[in-house]
N, C-alpha and C. Protein backbone atom coordinates (compact mmCIF):
# COMPACT_ATOMS: atom_id res chain seq x y z
N MET A 1 0.11 -16.21 24.65
CA MET A 1 0.33 -16.24 23.22
C MET A 1 1.53 -17.15 22.90
N GLN A 2 1.36 -18.04 21.93
CA GLN A 2 2.42 -18.96 21.58
C GLN A 2 3.60 -18.27 20.96
N THR A 3 4.77 -18.91 21.12
CA THR A 3 6.03 -18.30 20.64
C THR A 3 5.97 -18.04 19.15
N ARG A 4 5.41 -19.01 18.39
CA ARG A 4 5.36 -18.85 16.95
C ARG A 4 4.46 -17.67 16.58
N THR A 5 3.34 -17.55 17.27
CA THR A 5 2.42 -16.44 16.96
C THR A 5 3.07 -15.11 17.28
N LYS A 6 3.80 -15.04 18.42
CA LYS A 6 4.50 -13.81 18.77
C LYS A 6 5.57 -13.46 17.72
N ALA A 7 6.25 -14.48 17.27
CA ALA A 7 7.29 -14.22 16.27
C ALA A 7 6.69 -13.67 14.99
N VAL A 8 5.54 -14.23 14.59
CA VAL A 8 4.85 -13.74 13.39
C VAL A 8 4.41 -12.29 13.54
N TRP A 9 3.86 -11.98 14.74
CA TRP A 9 3.44 -10.61 14.97
C TRP A 9 4.61 -9.67 14.99
N GLY A 10 5.70 -10.05 15.64
CA GLY A 10 6.89 -9.23 15.71
C GLY A 10 7.46 -8.94 14.33
N LEU A 11 7.63 -9.99 13.50
CA LEU A 11 8.17 -9.83 12.15
C LEU A 11 7.21 -9.01 11.26
N SER A 12 5.90 -9.22 11.47
CA SER A 12 4.92 -8.45 10.70
C SER A 12 5.01 -6.96 11.01
N LEU A 13 5.11 -6.66 12.32
CA LEU A 13 5.23 -5.24 12.71
C LEU A 13 6.48 -4.60 12.13
N PHE A 14 7.60 -5.33 12.19
CA PHE A 14 8.83 -4.80 11.64
C PHE A 14 8.69 -4.59 10.11
N GLY A 15 8.10 -5.61 9.46
CA GLY A 15 7.93 -5.55 8.01
C GLY A 15 7.03 -4.39 7.57
N LEU A 16 6.10 -4.01 8.42
CA LEU A 16 5.24 -2.88 8.12
C LEU A 16 5.92 -1.56 8.46
N ALA A 17 6.60 -1.54 9.63
CA ALA A 17 7.24 -0.30 10.08
C ALA A 17 8.33 0.18 9.17
N ALA A 18 9.14 -0.75 8.64
CA ALA A 18 10.29 -0.38 7.82
C ALA A 18 9.88 0.45 6.60
N PRO A 19 9.00 -0.04 5.74
CA PRO A 19 8.66 0.80 4.58
C PRO A 19 7.88 2.05 4.89
N LEU A 20 7.03 2.02 5.96
CA LEU A 20 6.26 3.19 6.33
C LEU A 20 7.15 4.31 6.80
N TYR A 21 8.30 3.92 7.39
CA TYR A 21 9.26 4.96 7.82
C TYR A 21 10.23 5.33 6.70
N LEU A 22 10.82 4.31 6.06
CA LEU A 22 11.92 4.56 5.12
C LEU A 22 11.48 5.23 3.81
N ILE A 23 10.28 4.91 3.32
CA ILE A 23 9.89 5.52 2.04
C ILE A 23 9.73 7.03 2.15
N PRO A 24 8.95 7.56 3.12
CA PRO A 24 8.90 9.05 3.23
C PRO A 24 10.22 9.63 3.71
N ASN A 25 11.07 8.80 4.40
CA ASN A 25 12.35 9.32 4.86
C ASN A 25 13.31 9.60 3.67
N HIS A 26 13.18 8.83 2.62
CA HIS A 26 14.06 8.98 1.48
C HIS A 26 13.39 9.54 0.24
N TYR A 27 12.05 9.46 0.18
CA TYR A 27 11.32 9.96 -1.00
C TYR A 27 10.14 10.81 -0.57
N PRO A 28 10.39 12.01 -0.05
CA PRO A 28 9.30 12.88 0.42
C PRO A 28 8.40 13.34 -0.73
N VAL A 29 7.09 13.39 -0.44
CA VAL A 29 6.13 13.85 -1.45
C VAL A 29 6.17 15.35 -1.54
N PHE A 30 6.26 16.00 -0.38
CA PHE A 30 6.27 17.47 -0.32
C PHE A 30 7.66 17.95 0.13
N THR A 31 7.90 19.25 -0.03
CA THR A 31 9.17 19.83 0.35
C THR A 31 9.32 19.78 1.87
N PRO A 32 10.37 19.17 2.41
CA PRO A 32 10.57 19.10 3.85
C PRO A 32 10.80 20.51 4.45
N VAL A 33 10.29 20.66 5.68
CA VAL A 33 10.33 21.93 6.38
C VAL A 33 11.36 21.83 7.49
N GLU A 34 12.30 22.79 7.54
CA GLU A 34 13.23 22.83 8.64
C GLU A 34 12.65 23.71 9.75
N LEU A 35 12.41 23.12 10.92
CA LEU A 35 11.84 23.86 12.00
C LEU A 35 12.90 24.71 12.72
N PRO A 36 12.49 25.86 13.31
CA PRO A 36 13.48 26.64 14.08
C PRO A 36 13.88 25.92 15.36
N LEU A 37 15.13 25.99 15.70
CA LEU A 37 15.61 25.40 16.95
C LEU A 37 15.08 26.20 18.12
N THR A 38 14.47 25.58 19.04
CA THR A 38 13.99 26.26 20.23
C THR A 38 15.18 26.58 21.17
N ARG A 39 14.88 27.33 22.19
CA ARG A 39 15.98 27.62 23.15
C ARG A 39 16.50 26.38 23.80
N ILE A 40 15.57 25.44 24.09
CA ILE A 40 15.97 24.19 24.72
C ILE A 40 16.85 23.39 23.79
N ASP A 41 16.48 23.37 22.51
CA ASP A 41 17.28 22.68 21.50
C ASP A 41 18.70 23.22 21.48
N SER A 42 18.82 24.53 21.56
CA SER A 42 20.09 25.19 21.49
C SER A 42 20.94 24.97 22.75
N ILE A 43 20.27 24.81 23.89
CA ILE A 43 20.98 24.62 25.18
C ILE A 43 21.53 23.18 25.28
N ILE A 44 20.74 22.22 24.82
CA ILE A 44 21.13 20.80 24.91
C ILE A 44 22.36 20.54 24.07
N PRO A 45 23.44 20.05 24.62
CA PRO A 45 24.68 19.86 23.85
C PRO A 45 24.60 18.68 22.89
N PHE A 46 25.46 18.73 21.92
CA PHE A 46 25.63 17.58 21.01
C PHE A 46 26.61 16.60 21.66
N VAL A 47 26.11 15.41 22.00
CA VAL A 47 26.93 14.42 22.67
C VAL A 47 26.91 13.16 21.78
N PRO A 48 27.79 13.08 20.81
CA PRO A 48 27.73 11.96 19.83
C PRO A 48 27.87 10.58 20.45
N GLU A 49 28.51 10.51 21.65
CA GLU A 49 28.69 9.20 22.30
C GLU A 49 27.33 8.62 22.68
N THR A 50 26.28 9.43 22.79
CA THR A 50 24.98 8.92 23.16
C THR A 50 24.29 8.16 22.03
N ILE A 51 24.98 8.03 20.90
CA ILE A 51 24.45 7.20 19.81
C ILE A 51 24.19 5.78 20.29
N TRP A 52 24.98 5.34 21.26
CA TRP A 52 24.79 3.98 21.85
C TRP A 52 23.40 3.88 22.52
N ILE A 53 23.06 4.95 23.24
CA ILE A 53 21.74 4.96 23.89
C ILE A 53 20.64 5.06 22.84
N TYR A 54 20.84 5.92 21.84
CA TYR A 54 19.86 6.12 20.80
C TYR A 54 19.54 4.80 20.10
N LEU A 55 20.59 4.05 19.76
CA LEU A 55 20.38 2.79 19.01
C LEU A 55 19.90 1.66 19.91
N SER A 56 19.92 1.87 21.23
CA SER A 56 19.40 0.81 22.13
C SER A 56 17.89 0.73 22.05
N GLU A 57 17.28 1.56 21.21
CA GLU A 57 15.83 1.44 20.99
C GLU A 57 15.51 0.02 20.52
N TYR A 58 16.32 -0.54 19.68
CA TYR A 58 15.99 -1.85 19.07
C TYR A 58 16.05 -2.96 20.11
N PRO A 59 17.09 -3.05 20.94
CA PRO A 59 17.06 -4.04 22.01
C PRO A 59 15.86 -3.85 22.98
N LEU A 60 15.50 -2.58 23.21
CA LEU A 60 14.36 -2.37 24.09
C LEU A 60 13.06 -2.90 23.48
N LEU A 61 12.86 -2.59 22.21
CA LEU A 61 11.63 -3.08 21.56
C LEU A 61 11.55 -4.60 21.55
N ILE A 62 12.66 -5.22 21.22
CA ILE A 62 12.68 -6.69 21.14
C ILE A 62 12.46 -7.31 22.49
N SER A 63 13.22 -6.83 23.50
CA SER A 63 13.11 -7.41 24.82
C SER A 63 11.77 -7.19 25.45
N ALA A 64 11.19 -6.01 25.28
CA ALA A 64 9.82 -5.78 25.81
C ALA A 64 8.84 -6.71 25.19
N PHE A 65 8.90 -6.91 23.90
CA PHE A 65 7.98 -7.79 23.20
C PHE A 65 8.16 -9.26 23.63
N VAL A 66 9.39 -9.67 23.78
CA VAL A 66 9.69 -11.07 24.16
C VAL A 66 9.28 -11.37 25.60
N LEU A 67 9.53 -10.41 26.47
CA LEU A 67 9.28 -10.62 27.92
C LEU A 67 7.78 -10.55 28.29
N THR A 68 6.97 -10.02 27.42
CA THR A 68 5.55 -9.93 27.73
C THR A 68 4.81 -11.13 27.17
N ARG A 69 4.10 -11.85 28.08
CA ARG A 69 3.43 -13.09 27.68
C ARG A 69 1.92 -13.00 27.84
N HIS A 70 1.44 -11.92 28.43
CA HIS A 70 -0.02 -11.80 28.60
C HIS A 70 -0.70 -11.45 27.30
N PRO A 71 -1.60 -12.27 26.79
CA PRO A 71 -2.21 -12.01 25.47
C PRO A 71 -2.92 -10.68 25.39
N GLU A 72 -3.63 -10.29 26.45
CA GLU A 72 -4.35 -9.01 26.39
C GLU A 72 -3.45 -7.83 26.27
N ALA A 73 -2.30 -7.88 27.01
CA ALA A 73 -1.31 -6.80 26.96
C ALA A 73 -0.70 -6.72 25.56
N LEU A 74 -0.36 -7.86 25.00
CA LEU A 74 0.22 -7.86 23.66
C LEU A 74 -0.74 -7.39 22.59
N ASN A 75 -2.00 -7.78 22.75
CA ASN A 75 -3.02 -7.36 21.82
C ASN A 75 -3.18 -5.85 21.84
N ARG A 76 -3.24 -5.27 23.06
CA ARG A 76 -3.33 -3.82 23.21
C ARG A 76 -2.09 -3.14 22.65
N TYR A 77 -0.92 -3.75 22.88
CA TYR A 77 0.33 -3.19 22.37
C TYR A 77 0.34 -3.15 20.84
N VAL A 78 -0.05 -4.23 20.20
CA VAL A 78 -0.05 -4.28 18.74
C VAL A 78 -0.95 -3.19 18.19
N LYS A 79 -2.12 -3.03 18.76
CA LYS A 79 -3.06 -1.98 18.30
C LYS A 79 -2.46 -0.60 18.50
N SER A 80 -1.86 -0.35 19.69
CA SER A 80 -1.32 0.94 19.98
C SER A 80 -0.12 1.29 19.11
N ILE A 81 0.82 0.35 18.93
CA ILE A 81 2.01 0.63 18.16
C ILE A 81 1.64 0.81 16.68
N LEU A 82 0.63 0.11 16.20
CA LEU A 82 0.16 0.34 14.82
C LEU A 82 -0.43 1.70 14.66
N ALA A 83 -1.22 2.14 15.68
CA ALA A 83 -1.78 3.49 15.63
C ALA A 83 -0.73 4.57 15.60
N VAL A 84 0.28 4.41 16.47
CA VAL A 84 1.37 5.36 16.53
C VAL A 84 2.13 5.37 15.17
N LEU A 85 2.39 4.18 14.66
CA LEU A 85 3.13 4.07 13.41
C LEU A 85 2.39 4.70 12.23
N LEU A 86 1.09 4.33 12.12
CA LEU A 86 0.31 4.85 10.98
C LEU A 86 0.09 6.36 11.07
N ALA A 87 -0.16 6.87 12.29
CA ALA A 87 -0.32 8.32 12.44
C ALA A 87 0.96 9.07 12.14
N SER A 88 2.06 8.51 12.58
CA SER A 88 3.39 9.13 12.29
C SER A 88 3.68 9.12 10.80
N ALA A 89 3.41 8.01 10.14
CA ALA A 89 3.70 7.89 8.70
C ALA A 89 2.83 8.88 7.94
N LEU A 90 1.59 9.11 8.36
CA LEU A 90 0.72 10.03 7.67
C LEU A 90 1.28 11.47 7.81
N ILE A 91 1.77 11.81 9.00
CA ILE A 91 2.35 13.12 9.20
C ILE A 91 3.66 13.25 8.39
N PHE A 92 4.48 12.20 8.38
CA PHE A 92 5.72 12.23 7.61
C PHE A 92 5.44 12.56 6.13
N ILE A 93 4.31 12.04 5.61
CA ILE A 93 3.98 12.21 4.20
C ILE A 93 3.41 13.62 3.97
N LEU A 94 2.45 14.04 4.83
CA LEU A 94 1.76 15.29 4.59
C LEU A 94 2.53 16.51 5.06
N TYR A 95 3.35 16.35 6.11
CA TYR A 95 4.09 17.51 6.64
C TYR A 95 5.48 17.05 7.01
N PRO A 96 6.32 16.81 5.99
CA PRO A 96 7.70 16.34 6.27
C PRO A 96 8.54 17.43 6.91
N THR A 97 9.24 17.07 7.95
CA THR A 97 10.16 17.98 8.61
C THR A 97 11.58 17.43 8.55
N THR A 98 12.54 18.33 8.59
CA THR A 98 13.95 17.93 8.50
C THR A 98 14.74 18.64 9.57
N TYR A 99 15.87 18.01 9.98
CA TYR A 99 16.72 18.56 11.02
C TYR A 99 18.04 19.00 10.39
N PRO A 100 18.58 20.17 10.83
CA PRO A 100 19.83 20.66 10.28
C PRO A 100 21.07 19.95 10.86
N ARG A 101 21.18 18.67 10.49
CA ARG A 101 22.31 17.88 11.03
C ARG A 101 23.65 18.36 10.58
N ASP A 102 23.70 19.07 9.46
CA ASP A 102 24.98 19.58 8.99
C ASP A 102 25.63 20.57 9.94
N ARG A 103 24.83 21.12 10.86
CA ARG A 103 25.39 22.06 11.84
C ARG A 103 26.12 21.33 12.95
N PHE A 104 26.03 20.00 12.93
CA PHE A 104 26.60 19.22 14.03
C PHE A 104 27.52 18.11 13.45
N PRO A 105 28.67 18.52 12.93
CA PRO A 105 29.65 17.52 12.43
C PRO A 105 30.23 16.70 13.56
N LEU A 106 30.58 15.49 13.27
CA LEU A 106 31.20 14.62 14.29
C LEU A 106 32.58 15.14 14.65
N PRO A 107 32.87 15.26 15.94
CA PRO A 107 34.20 15.77 16.37
C PRO A 107 35.31 14.79 16.01
N PRO A 108 36.48 15.28 15.71
CA PRO A 108 37.58 14.39 15.30
C PRO A 108 38.03 13.44 16.42
N GLU A 109 37.80 13.82 17.69
CA GLU A 109 38.21 13.04 18.82
C GLU A 109 37.23 11.90 19.16
N LEU A 110 36.13 11.79 18.43
CA LEU A 110 35.15 10.75 18.70
C LEU A 110 35.76 9.38 18.47
N ASP A 111 35.52 8.46 19.41
CA ASP A 111 36.11 7.12 19.29
C ASP A 111 35.63 6.43 18.01
N PRO A 112 36.47 5.56 17.45
CA PRO A 112 36.16 4.96 16.12
C PRO A 112 34.84 4.22 16.01
N PHE A 113 34.51 3.46 17.06
CA PHE A 113 33.30 2.66 16.98
C PHE A 113 32.05 3.53 17.04
N SER A 114 32.07 4.53 17.94
CA SER A 114 30.91 5.47 17.99
C SER A 114 30.79 6.22 16.69
N ARG A 115 31.91 6.58 16.09
CA ARG A 115 31.90 7.25 14.79
C ARG A 115 31.26 6.35 13.72
N PHE A 116 31.67 5.09 13.75
CA PHE A 116 31.15 4.13 12.77
C PHE A 116 29.60 4.01 12.92
N LEU A 117 29.13 3.87 14.15
CA LEU A 117 27.71 3.75 14.37
C LEU A 117 26.94 5.00 13.95
N PHE A 118 27.56 6.16 14.27
CA PHE A 118 26.88 7.43 13.92
C PHE A 118 26.81 7.60 12.41
N GLU A 119 27.89 7.33 11.72
CA GLU A 119 27.93 7.47 10.28
C GLU A 119 26.98 6.48 9.62
N LEU A 120 26.91 5.28 10.20
CA LEU A 120 25.95 4.29 9.68
C LEU A 120 24.53 4.77 9.86
N GLN A 121 24.24 5.35 11.03
CA GLN A 121 22.92 5.86 11.30
C GLN A 121 22.57 7.00 10.34
N ARG A 122 23.48 7.93 10.16
CA ARG A 122 23.20 9.08 9.29
C ARG A 122 23.14 8.69 7.80
N THR A 123 23.80 7.62 7.44
CA THR A 123 23.75 7.18 6.06
C THR A 123 22.43 6.49 5.75
N GLY A 124 21.95 5.67 6.65
CA GLY A 124 20.74 4.92 6.40
C GLY A 124 19.48 5.71 6.72
N ASP A 125 19.58 6.73 7.56
CA ASP A 125 18.43 7.49 8.03
C ASP A 125 18.67 8.97 7.66
N SER A 126 17.91 9.48 6.70
CA SER A 126 18.06 10.88 6.30
C SER A 126 17.57 11.79 7.42
N PRO A 127 17.85 13.08 7.37
CA PRO A 127 17.39 13.99 8.45
C PRO A 127 15.87 14.28 8.41
N LEU A 128 15.11 13.57 7.57
CA LEU A 128 13.69 13.78 7.51
C LEU A 128 12.97 12.93 8.58
N ASN A 129 11.65 12.96 8.56
CA ASN A 129 10.79 12.23 9.49
C ASN A 129 11.05 12.64 10.94
N CYS A 130 11.19 13.93 11.15
CA CYS A 130 11.46 14.44 12.50
C CYS A 130 10.24 14.40 13.39
N PHE A 131 9.15 15.09 12.92
CA PHE A 131 7.97 15.23 13.76
C PHE A 131 6.88 14.30 13.25
N PRO A 132 6.31 13.52 14.17
CA PRO A 132 6.70 13.29 15.57
C PRO A 132 7.82 12.23 15.59
N SER A 133 8.49 12.15 16.73
CA SER A 133 9.58 11.19 16.85
C SER A 133 9.03 9.78 17.03
N LEU A 134 9.22 8.96 16.00
CA LEU A 134 8.80 7.57 16.09
C LEU A 134 9.67 6.81 17.07
N HIS A 135 10.90 7.25 17.25
CA HIS A 135 11.80 6.69 18.25
C HIS A 135 11.14 6.78 19.62
N VAL A 136 10.64 7.97 19.92
CA VAL A 136 9.99 8.22 21.22
C VAL A 136 8.69 7.46 21.33
N GLY A 137 7.87 7.55 20.31
CA GLY A 137 6.57 6.87 20.36
C GLY A 137 6.68 5.35 20.53
N SER A 138 7.68 4.74 19.87
CA SER A 138 7.80 3.28 19.92
C SER A 138 8.30 2.81 21.30
N VAL A 139 9.31 3.52 21.88
CA VAL A 139 9.82 3.05 23.14
C VAL A 139 8.87 3.30 24.28
N LEU A 140 8.15 4.42 24.23
CA LEU A 140 7.18 4.69 25.32
C LEU A 140 5.99 3.73 25.24
N THR A 141 5.53 3.42 24.02
CA THR A 141 4.47 2.46 23.87
C THR A 141 4.89 1.09 24.36
N SER A 142 6.12 0.69 24.08
CA SER A 142 6.62 -0.61 24.52
C SER A 142 6.74 -0.65 26.04
N THR A 143 7.08 0.46 26.67
CA THR A 143 7.22 0.52 28.13
C THR A 143 5.88 0.21 28.79
N LEU A 144 4.77 0.63 28.15
CA LEU A 144 3.46 0.45 28.75
C LEU A 144 3.04 -1.04 28.80
N LEU A 145 3.78 -1.89 28.15
CA LEU A 145 3.53 -3.33 28.27
C LEU A 145 3.68 -3.79 29.74
N PHE A 146 4.49 -3.03 30.52
CA PHE A 146 4.79 -3.46 31.90
C PHE A 146 4.07 -2.62 32.92
N ARG A 147 2.97 -2.00 32.55
CA ARG A 147 2.25 -1.13 33.49
C ARG A 147 1.79 -1.86 34.74
N ASP A 148 1.56 -3.19 34.64
CA ASP A 148 1.11 -3.92 35.79
C ASP A 148 2.25 -4.69 36.50
N ARG A 149 3.46 -4.43 36.07
CA ARG A 149 4.67 -5.04 36.72
C ARG A 149 5.63 -3.92 37.15
N PRO A 150 5.44 -3.37 38.33
CA PRO A 150 6.16 -2.13 38.76
C PRO A 150 7.64 -2.19 38.59
N ARG A 151 8.30 -3.28 38.97
CA ARG A 151 9.76 -3.32 38.86
C ARG A 151 10.22 -3.26 37.42
N ALA A 152 9.59 -4.07 36.56
CA ALA A 152 9.94 -4.10 35.16
C ALA A 152 9.60 -2.77 34.49
N PHE A 153 8.47 -2.16 34.92
CA PHE A 153 8.08 -0.88 34.36
C PHE A 153 9.13 0.18 34.66
N LEU A 154 9.61 0.24 35.87
CA LEU A 154 10.62 1.24 36.24
C LEU A 154 11.87 1.09 35.42
N ILE A 155 12.28 -0.17 35.22
CA ILE A 155 13.52 -0.44 34.42
C ILE A 155 13.31 0.04 32.96
N PHE A 156 12.19 -0.38 32.39
CA PHE A 156 11.95 -0.05 30.97
C PHE A 156 11.62 1.43 30.78
N PHE A 157 10.95 2.01 31.76
CA PHE A 157 10.63 3.44 31.66
C PHE A 157 11.89 4.29 31.76
N GLY A 158 12.76 3.93 32.68
CA GLY A 158 14.03 4.63 32.82
C GLY A 158 14.86 4.53 31.51
N TRP A 159 14.89 3.33 30.97
CA TRP A 159 15.60 3.08 29.72
C TRP A 159 14.99 3.93 28.59
N ALA A 160 13.67 3.96 28.54
CA ALA A 160 12.97 4.70 27.48
C ALA A 160 13.25 6.20 27.59
N ILE A 161 13.28 6.70 28.80
CA ILE A 161 13.53 8.15 29.01
C ILE A 161 14.92 8.50 28.51
N LEU A 162 15.93 7.62 28.79
CA LEU A 162 17.27 7.88 28.30
C LEU A 162 17.30 7.90 26.77
N ILE A 163 16.55 7.01 26.15
CA ILE A 163 16.48 7.00 24.71
C ILE A 163 15.83 8.28 24.17
N CYS A 164 14.76 8.71 24.86
CA CYS A 164 14.07 9.94 24.43
C CYS A 164 15.06 11.12 24.49
N LEU A 165 15.82 11.21 25.58
CA LEU A 165 16.80 12.28 25.75
C LEU A 165 17.90 12.19 24.66
N SER A 166 18.28 10.95 24.33
CA SER A 166 19.33 10.77 23.33
C SER A 166 18.94 11.25 21.96
N THR A 167 17.63 11.31 21.66
CA THR A 167 17.21 11.86 20.38
C THR A 167 17.58 13.31 20.26
N LEU A 168 17.74 13.98 21.43
CA LEU A 168 18.12 15.41 21.44
C LEU A 168 19.61 15.59 21.49
N THR A 169 20.32 14.73 22.24
CA THR A 169 21.78 14.88 22.39
C THR A 169 22.52 14.38 21.16
N THR A 170 21.85 13.53 20.35
CA THR A 170 22.44 13.11 19.08
C THR A 170 22.05 14.06 17.93
N LYS A 171 21.23 15.04 18.26
CA LYS A 171 20.73 16.01 17.29
C LYS A 171 20.00 15.34 16.11
N GLN A 172 19.20 14.38 16.49
CA GLN A 172 18.33 13.71 15.51
C GLN A 172 16.94 14.35 15.49
N HIS A 173 16.58 14.96 16.60
CA HIS A 173 15.21 15.46 16.76
C HIS A 173 15.16 16.79 17.47
N TYR A 174 14.06 17.52 17.21
CA TYR A 174 13.72 18.74 17.94
C TYR A 174 12.97 18.35 19.22
N VAL A 175 12.89 19.28 20.16
CA VAL A 175 12.10 19.06 21.35
C VAL A 175 10.65 18.81 21.00
N TRP A 176 10.15 19.51 19.99
CA TRP A 176 8.75 19.33 19.56
C TRP A 176 8.51 17.90 19.07
N ASP A 177 9.51 17.28 18.50
CA ASP A 177 9.39 15.90 18.00
C ASP A 177 9.17 14.94 19.16
N VAL A 178 9.93 15.16 20.25
CA VAL A 178 9.82 14.30 21.43
C VAL A 178 8.43 14.44 22.03
N LEU A 179 7.95 15.68 22.15
CA LEU A 179 6.60 15.89 22.67
C LEU A 179 5.53 15.26 21.76
N GLY A 180 5.72 15.37 20.47
CA GLY A 180 4.79 14.80 19.52
C GLY A 180 4.72 13.27 19.67
N GLY A 181 5.88 12.63 19.77
CA GLY A 181 5.89 11.16 19.97
C GLY A 181 5.22 10.76 21.27
N ALA A 182 5.42 11.53 22.33
CA ALA A 182 4.87 11.22 23.65
C ALA A 182 3.32 11.40 23.60
N ILE A 183 2.88 12.46 22.92
CA ILE A 183 1.43 12.69 22.80
C ILE A 183 0.73 11.60 22.02
N LEU A 184 1.36 11.16 20.93
CA LEU A 184 0.79 10.05 20.13
C LEU A 184 0.67 8.79 21.00
N THR A 185 1.72 8.51 21.81
CA THR A 185 1.68 7.37 22.68
C THR A 185 0.49 7.45 23.64
N TRP A 186 0.31 8.63 24.23
CA TRP A 186 -0.77 8.84 25.19
C TRP A 186 -2.14 8.66 24.54
N LEU A 187 -2.29 9.23 23.35
CA LEU A 187 -3.58 9.12 22.69
C LEU A 187 -3.88 7.67 22.32
N ALA A 188 -2.90 6.96 21.79
CA ALA A 188 -3.15 5.55 21.42
C ALA A 188 -3.45 4.70 22.65
N ASP A 189 -2.75 4.96 23.76
CA ASP A 189 -2.96 4.24 24.98
C ASP A 189 -4.37 4.46 25.48
N ARG A 190 -4.81 5.70 25.46
CA ARG A 190 -6.19 6.01 25.95
C ARG A 190 -7.21 5.36 25.04
N TRP A 191 -6.98 5.38 23.75
CA TRP A 191 -7.96 4.81 22.80
C TRP A 191 -8.15 3.33 22.98
N PHE A 192 -7.04 2.63 23.22
CA PHE A 192 -7.11 1.15 23.29
C PHE A 192 -7.11 0.63 24.74
N ARG A 193 -7.13 1.52 25.71
CA ARG A 193 -7.22 1.08 27.08
C ARG A 193 -8.56 0.41 27.35
N PRO A 194 -8.61 -0.78 28.03
CA PRO A 194 -9.86 -1.45 28.29
C PRO A 194 -10.82 -0.54 29.05
N ARG A 195 -12.07 -0.50 28.60
CA ARG A 195 -13.11 0.30 29.25
C ARG A 195 -13.62 -0.46 30.47
N PRO A 196 -13.88 0.27 31.56
CA PRO A 196 -14.45 -0.39 32.75
C PRO A 196 -15.80 -1.00 32.44
N GLN A 197 -16.04 -2.17 32.95
CA GLN A 197 -17.32 -2.83 32.73
C GLN A 197 -18.42 -2.18 33.54
N VAL A 198 -19.54 -1.94 32.87
CA VAL A 198 -20.71 -1.32 33.53
C VAL A 198 -21.53 -2.44 34.17
N PRO A 199 -21.75 -2.39 35.50
CA PRO A 199 -22.54 -3.45 36.11
C PRO A 199 -23.99 -3.49 35.65
């Protein structure tokens, strides 16, 4: 795939993802539901320094897209990420969920730059759009671009897992959100996986 074509696809995906996420995030149609914290949610500590890992989603998405040059892989990726995005947006609209972020104030000893990033994140992103985690769905889907390149896959998969965990340690998501994002990724991957040719 030519560089210009890839750039168009990348910008188009971003241009579609932003409103599909931000509109229900700030203007919910229905009353948002606060889910009960599970035991696992309660055990996992609030580690605000992991905001760095959480926000590394964006470098992961960009680098995975740029480093993949196989047209078939990119074609499957675009279809899968669109499916994950559209399914998530539909759930955000029909069943909005919210996270009790007010229970987790930033500690006074947090370093200034991490505090700045965290406050920027919380200002631009309301506590809605919890289930499913689009953070999880997008990074796991991007990791699958490298399924045929074992070394790159291990690097990106490890990176993606850290990001998935950071959604919990930054108290942005419930455990159920992470599972929901992973399940959406799995379903989209199965749907768009090439079917074996029948002889």
